[in-house]
Protein backbone atom coordinates (compact mmCIF):
# COMPACT_ATOMS: atom_id res chain seq x y z
CA MET A 1 -28.28 -28.58 -36.83
CA MET A 2 -28.11 -26.75 -33.05
CA LEU A 3 -30.50 -27.83 -30.81
CA ALA A 4 -32.33 -25.45 -28.08
CA ALA A 5 -31.39 -25.90 -24.71
CA CYS A 6 -35.20 -27.42 -23.22
CA VAL A 7 -35.35 -26.51 -19.79
CA LEU A 8 -38.03 -28.71 -17.28
CA ARG A 9 -39.69 -26.38 -15.23
CA ARG A 10 -42.48 -29.11 -14.30
CA LEU A 11 -42.55 -33.51 -14.18
CA HIS A 12 -45.57 -35.32 -14.38
CA LEU A 13 -46.72 -38.86 -13.99
CA THR A 14 -50.20 -40.85 -13.54
CA SER A 15 -51.35 -43.73 -11.76
CA GLU A 16 -54.59 -45.87 -11.45
CA PRO A 17 -56.69 -44.30 -9.38
CA ASP A 18 -56.85 -47.38 -6.82
CA ASN A 19 -52.90 -48.11 -6.60
CA GLN A 20 -52.14 -46.61 -2.36
CA GLU A 21 -48.90 -47.07 -2.81
CA ALA A 22 -48.04 -45.35 -5.90
CA HIS A 23 -50.38 -42.54 -4.50
CA ALA A 24 -48.22 -42.47 -1.05
CA SER A 25 -44.78 -42.65 -2.79
CA TRP A 26 -45.69 -40.28 -4.67
CA ILE A 27 -46.83 -37.65 -2.12
CA ALA A 28 -43.27 -38.64 -0.33
CA LEU A 29 -41.98 -38.04 -3.15
CA GLY A 30 -43.00 -34.28 -3.28
CA PHE A 31 -45.19 -34.63 -6.32
CA VAL A 32 -48.67 -33.31 -5.71
CA ASN A 33 -52.39 -34.86 -6.93
CA VAL A 34 -53.67 -32.27 -9.83
CA PRO A 35 -57.22 -31.58 -9.10
CA GLY A 36 -59.38 -34.05 -11.39
CA ASP A 37 -63.40 -33.73 -11.58
CA ARG A 38 -64.18 -36.32 -9.11
CA GLU A 39 -62.70 -38.07 -6.49
CA ILE A 40 -61.45 -42.41 -5.60
CA ASN A 41 -60.32 -43.32 -2.21
CA GLY A 42 -58.63 -39.66 -1.66
CA VAL A 43 -57.48 -39.45 -4.80
CA SER A 44 -57.99 -36.88 -7.29
CA VAL A 45 -58.92 -38.16 -10.77
CA ILE A 46 -59.64 -37.61 -14.42
CA SER A 47 -61.82 -39.11 -15.89
CA ASP A 48 -61.31 -41.42 -18.91
CA PHE A 49 -57.47 -39.64 -19.27
CA LYS A 50 -56.48 -42.18 -21.02
CA GLY A 51 -59.45 -43.59 -22.92
CA LEU A 52 -63.20 -44.52 -22.04
CA GLY A 53 -63.05 -45.49 -18.76
CA ARG A 54 -59.02 -45.77 -17.75
CA HIS A 55 -59.83 -43.12 -15.22
CA ARG A 56 -56.07 -41.16 -14.13
CA ALA A 57 -54.03 -40.01 -11.30
CA VAL A 58 -52.17 -36.90 -12.13
CA TYR A 59 -49.29 -35.60 -10.16
CA GLN A 60 -46.57 -33.26 -10.62
CA LEU A 61 -44.12 -32.06 -9.19
CA THR A 62 -42.51 -28.36 -9.74
CA LEU A 63 -38.98 -28.22 -10.10
CA ASP A 64 -36.43 -25.58 -9.48
């Protein structure tokens, strides 16, 4: 069996919207806060991302 090479172009992660320490860390590492449908404490958030009432901030890092 042959496995095809997989090239990753983007890396995503999530955190809870009120986790300011995580937000600062991800931004410092070059991640971008992905636009969502609301904002909480200056962080863009996607509502119900992990289920009803479980909003998450989503971050993306483009890999070269």
